[in-house]
C-alpha cells in the first residue's frame, strides 16, 4: 500500500491488525547515462512491489542521502551525516509514536549504509514497548548479489546493474561495450573532483547494459528477497 494512496483513517485502521511499515531510502546523484534518481527510483519500486501483496504501507522514498563524493557532478545532492541521521531518527520516532512497531528500511544507495549504527542505537533506547528495525540494501541481498556476479563480476556504480527500463532516460543512448573498472580503493581516497576526472562519464566500469531478460530476473529476485524480509525478518513476533 502506497502511503499516498491512503488517508489517515485507513492507516489507523491498518494499525489495528498490523504494525509493519516500509521506509525506502535512496539518493539523488549521478549514475552516468542513467537517471539522477536511480537509487531512489529503485528503492521505492522494490519496496512497493515487495509490500503490495502483504498490504504493508510504504512511505514515499527519501530521495536524498549521503553522497558527498559526487558533488562535482551537477544535479548530485548530498546531506551531512548528522543531518541524515537526524532525519532517520525523526521518522523512526514519528512512526513509533503512531503505533508502528516493525519498521523495514529498504535502501538503494551504498553511501547510506553508515546510518545502520544510528538505527541500532535508536532501537536500544529505553521505551515502554519493543521496536524492531531491519535495514536492507536490496541490491546487496545474498541472492541478488550472487545472481549479479554470475552474469558479470564486480557490478559497479552507474553500470549495467542499475540499468533497468525505469532508470533509463528517453533519448539517451547507452554506450556499447565494457568500460575498464575504476579501482574502489582509489575512489575511496578521492575528492569529488578526482572522481569526476577518473570516471569521465560517471560510471565506475563494466558493461553499460545487459539484456532485459537478465535485468528482469535480477529484479524479480530482489523483490522476492525484500518480501521475505517483510514476512520473516523479525526476531520477535
Protein backbone atom coordinates (compact mmCIF):
# COMPACT_ATOMS: atom_id res chain seq x y z
CA UNK A 1 0.00 0.00 0.00
CA UNK A 2 1.48 3.29 -1.11
CA UNK A 3 1.06 5.70 1.82
CA UNK A 4 -0.05 8.47 -0.53
CA UNK A 5 -2.91 6.22 -1.67
CA UNK A 6 -4.39 6.13 1.82
CA UNK A 7 -5.89 8.61 4.26
CA UNK A 8 -5.14 8.80 7.95
CA UNK A 9 -8.25 6.84 8.94
CA UNK A 10 -7.19 3.94 6.74
CA UNK A 11 -3.73 3.90 8.30
CA UNK A 12 -5.28 3.94 11.77
CA UNK A 13 -7.47 1.00 10.78
CA UNK A 14 -4.43 -0.87 9.43
CA UNK A 15 -2.68 -0.43 12.79
CA UNK A 16 -5.47 -2.35 14.48
CA UNK A 17 -4.22 -5.56 12.87
CA UNK A 18 -0.61 -4.98 11.75
CA UNK A 19 2.36 -2.89 12.89
CA UNK A 20 4.74 -3.15 9.93
CA UNK A 21 5.78 -0.26 7.69
CA UNK A 22 8.39 0.20 4.97
CA UNK A 23 10.68 3.23 4.64
CA UNK A 24 12.51 3.31 1.28
CA UNK A 25 15.63 5.47 1.18
CA UNK A 26 17.75 6.41 -1.80
CA UNK A 27 19.84 9.25 -3.16
CA UNK A 28 19.86 11.87 -5.88
CA UNK A 29 23.20 11.58 -7.64
CA UNK A 30 24.90 10.97 -10.95
CA UNK A 31 24.60 7.50 -12.44
CA UNK A 32 26.44 8.03 -15.69
CA UNK A 33 23.88 7.91 -18.50
CA UNK A 34 21.06 6.81 -16.18
CA UNK A 35 18.64 8.95 -14.16
CA UNK A 36 19.93 11.07 -11.29
CA UNK A 37 17.12 9.46 -9.31
CA UNK A 38 18.23 5.87 -9.93
CA UNK A 39 18.82 4.91 -6.28
CA UNK A 40 15.55 6.47 -5.14
CA UNK A 41 13.56 5.02 -8.04
CA UNK A 42 14.84 1.50 -7.38
CA UNK A 43 14.42 1.63 -3.60
CA UNK A 44 10.83 2.84 -3.81
CA UNK A 45 9.83 0.47 -6.59
CA UNK A 46 11.30 -2.65 -4.99
CA UNK A 47 9.67 -1.72 -1.67
CA UNK A 48 6.27 -1.18 -3.28
CA UNK A 49 6.33 -4.39 -5.30
CA UNK A 50 7.50 -6.41 -2.29
CA UNK A 51 4.95 -4.96 0.11
CA UNK A 52 1.92 -4.83 -2.19
CA UNK A 53 0.61 -8.41 -1.72
CA UNK A 54 1.19 -8.13 2.02
CA UNK A 55 -0.80 -4.92 2.36
CA UNK A 56 2.03 -3.18 4.22
CA UNK A 57 2.18 0.61 3.86
CA UNK A 58 5.22 2.05 2.08
CA UNK A 59 6.33 5.62 2.77
CA UNK A 60 7.38 7.92 -0.07
CA UNK A 61 11.04 7.37 -0.77
CA UNK A 62 13.54 9.63 0.98
CA UNK A 63 15.31 10.86 -2.18
CA UNK A 64 18.36 12.45 -0.55
CA UNK A 65 21.22 10.56 1.04
CA UNK A 66 24.92 10.83 1.77
CA UNK A 67 26.87 11.21 -1.47
CA UNK A 68 29.46 13.96 -0.97
CA UNK A 69 31.89 12.27 -3.38
CA UNK A 70 29.60 13.03 -6.34
CA UNK A 71 29.16 16.74 -5.65
CA UNK A 72 31.29 17.70 -8.69
CA UNK A 73 28.56 16.26 -10.95
CA UNK A 74 25.74 18.81 -11.42
CA UNK A 75 22.41 17.58 -10.07
CA UNK A 76 24.01 15.33 -7.46
CA UNK A 77 22.86 16.25 -3.96
CA UNK A 78 24.06 15.22 -0.53
CA UNK A 79 23.22 15.53 3.16
CA UNK A 80 25.68 15.71 6.03
CA UNK A 81 25.75 12.54 8.12
CA UNK A 82 24.43 14.48 11.11
CA UNK A 83 21.50 15.72 9.03
CA UNK A 84 20.75 12.31 7.57
CA UNK A 85 20.87 10.56 10.94
CA UNK A 86 18.58 13.24 12.40
CA UNK A 87 16.06 12.77 9.58
CA UNK A 88 16.02 8.98 10.01
CA UNK A 89 15.66 9.31 13.80
CA UNK A 90 12.77 11.76 13.38
CA UNK A 91 10.98 9.37 11.04
CA UNK A 92 11.51 6.43 13.40
CA UNK A 93 10.29 8.49 16.38
CA UNK A 94 7.17 9.54 14.49
CA UNK A 95 6.32 6.03 13.33
CA UNK A 96 6.91 4.60 16.79
CA UNK A 97 4.69 7.24 18.34
CA UNK A 98 1.84 6.30 16.00
CA UNK A 99 1.95 2.60 16.85
CA UNK A 100 4.23 1.07 14.22
CA UNK A 101 6.48 -1.49 15.88
CA UNK A 102 8.26 -3.20 12.96
CA UNK A 103 9.98 -0.88 10.50
CA UNK A 104 11.84 -2.02 7.39
CA UNK A 105 14.26 0.46 5.85
CA UNK A 106 14.83 -0.53 2.22
CA UNK A 107 17.98 1.17 1.00
CA UNK A 108 19.02 1.87 -2.58
CA UNK A 109 22.31 3.73 -2.02
CA UNK A 110 25.55 2.36 -0.62
CA UNK A 111 26.51 5.70 0.92
CA UNK A 112 23.54 5.46 3.31
CA UNK A 113 24.78 2.26 4.98
CA UNK A 114 26.60 4.06 7.85
CA UNK A 115 23.21 5.07 9.27
CA UNK A 116 22.76 1.47 10.42
CA UNK A 117 24.81 2.22 13.54
CA UNK A 118 22.47 5.06 14.45
CA UNK A 119 19.46 2.82 13.84
CA UNK A 120 20.80 0.18 16.20
CA UNK A 121 21.44 2.86 18.80
CA UNK A 122 17.84 4.07 18.40
CA UNK A 123 16.42 0.55 18.78
CA UNK A 124 18.38 0.11 22.01
CA UNK A 125 16.98 3.19 23.70
CA UNK A 126 14.71 2.61 26.68
CA UNK A 127 11.00 2.78 25.95
CA UNK A 128 7.85 1.04 27.17
CA UNK A 129 7.46 -1.05 24.02
CA UNK A 130 9.71 -3.12 21.77
CA UNK A 131 10.78 -1.62 18.45
CA UNK A 132 12.26 -3.67 15.63
CA UNK A 133 14.01 -2.07 12.67
CA UNK A 134 15.53 -4.06 9.82
CA UNK A 135 17.80 -2.36 7.30
CA UNK A 136 18.43 -3.92 3.91
CA UNK A 137 20.26 -2.70 0.85
CA UNK A 138 18.16 -4.56 -1.71
CA UNK A 139 20.93 -4.76 -4.33
CA UNK A 140 23.32 -6.35 -1.81
CA UNK A 141 20.94 -9.03 -0.53
CA UNK A 142 22.51 -12.50 -0.86
CA UNK A 143 20.59 -13.91 -3.82
CA UNK A 144 20.58 -10.68 -5.82
CA UNK A 145 24.31 -10.15 -5.28
CA UNK A 146 25.13 -13.75 -6.22
CA UNK A 147 22.95 -13.60 -9.32
CA UNK A 148 24.53 -10.36 -10.48
CA UNK A 149 28.03 -11.78 -10.00
CA UNK A 150 27.06 -14.83 -12.04
CA UNK A 151 26.43 -12.60 -15.06
CA UNK A 152 29.36 -10.21 -14.69
CA UNK A 153 31.92 -9.91 -11.92
CA UNK A 154 32.09 -6.81 -9.74
CA UNK A 155 28.98 -4.88 -10.81
CA UNK A 156 29.66 -1.20 -10.21
CA UNK A 157 28.08 2.22 -9.91
CA UNK A 158 26.34 3.63 -12.97
CA UNK A 159 26.72 0.44 -14.97
CA UNK A 160 24.55 -2.44 -16.12
CA UNK A 161 23.45 -3.48 -12.62
CA UNK A 162 21.43 -0.26 -12.26
CA UNK A 163 20.26 -0.14 -15.87
CA UNK A 164 16.57 -1.04 -15.72
CA UNK A 165 13.84 0.21 -18.05
CA UNK A 166 12.66 2.52 -15.27
CA UNK A 167 16.08 4.13 -14.68
CA UNK A 168 16.79 4.85 -18.35
CA UNK A 169 16.14 8.25 -19.87
CA UNK A 170 14.22 8.92 -23.06
CA UNK A 171 16.52 9.95 -25.87
CA UNK A 172 19.71 8.90 -24.08
CA UNK A 173 21.66 6.16 -25.84
CA UNK A 174 23.79 3.92 -23.65
CA UNK A 175 27.34 3.25 -24.88
CA UNK A 176 28.20 -0.21 -26.15
CA UNK A 177 30.96 -2.38 -24.79
CA UNK A 178 32.69 -2.70 -21.45
CA UNK A 179 34.41 0.12 -19.59
CA UNK A 180 37.57 -0.52 -17.55
CA UNK A 181 36.87 -0.61 -13.82
CA UNK A 182 37.90 2.28 -11.62
CA UNK A 183 39.71 1.00 -8.52
CA UNK A 184 37.46 1.02 -5.46
CA UNK A 185 40.47 1.78 -3.27
CA UNK A 186 41.32 4.76 -5.44
CA UNK A 187 37.73 6.02 -5.35
CA UNK A 188 37.66 5.74 -1.56
CA UNK A 189 40.60 8.17 -1.30
CA UNK A 190 39.48 10.61 -3.98
CA UNK A 191 37.88 14.04 -3.85
CA UNK A 192 34.72 14.81 -5.84
CA UNK A 193 36.87 16.47 -8.50
CA UNK A 194 39.12 13.39 -8.64
CA UNK A 195 36.14 11.09 -9.13
CA UNK A 196 34.80 13.18 -11.98
CA UNK A 197 38.22 13.13 -13.67
CA UNK A 198 38.78 9.42 -13.01
CA UNK A 199 35.41 8.21 -14.24
CA UNK A 200 34.68 10.68 -17.03
CA UNK A 201 31.05 9.77 -17.68
CA UNK A 202 30.43 8.77 -14.03
CA UNK A 203 30.26 5.01 -14.49
CA UNK A 204 32.73 3.06 -12.38
CA UNK A 205 33.18 0.41 -15.07
CA UNK A 206 31.94 -2.85 -16.52
CA UNK A 207 29.23 -3.28 -19.11
CA UNK A 208 26.80 -0.43 -19.57
CA UNK A 209 23.89 -2.78 -20.16
CA UNK A 210 22.88 -6.44 -20.20
CA UNK A 211 19.74 -7.97 -21.66
CA UNK A 212 16.33 -7.08 -20.30
CA UNK A 213 15.74 -10.77 -19.58
CA UNK A 214 18.70 -10.75 -17.21
CA UNK A 215 17.56 -7.50 -15.60
CA UNK A 216 14.04 -8.90 -15.11
CA UNK A 217 15.46 -11.97 -13.38
CA UNK A 218 17.57 -9.80 -11.09
CA UNK A 219 14.64 -7.51 -10.33
CA UNK A 220 12.25 -10.33 -9.50
CA UNK A 221 14.88 -11.86 -7.22
CA UNK A 222 15.30 -8.54 -5.43
CA UNK A 223 11.56 -8.13 -4.93
CA UNK A 224 11.31 -11.67 -3.56
CA UNK A 225 14.14 -11.13 -1.08
CA UNK A 226 12.64 -7.90 0.24
CA UNK A 227 9.23 -9.57 0.55
CA UNK A 228 10.75 -12.46 2.50
CA UNK A 229 12.35 -9.94 4.85
CA UNK A 230 8.99 -8.25 5.44
CA UNK A 231 7.38 -11.61 6.17
CA UNK A 232 10.03 -13.44 8.19
CA UNK A 233 12.80 -10.99 9.01
CA UNK A 234 11.57 -10.09 12.51
CA UNK A 235 13.35 -11.55 15.53
CA UNK A 236 10.30 -11.12 17.76
CA UNK A 237 6.64 -11.63 16.93
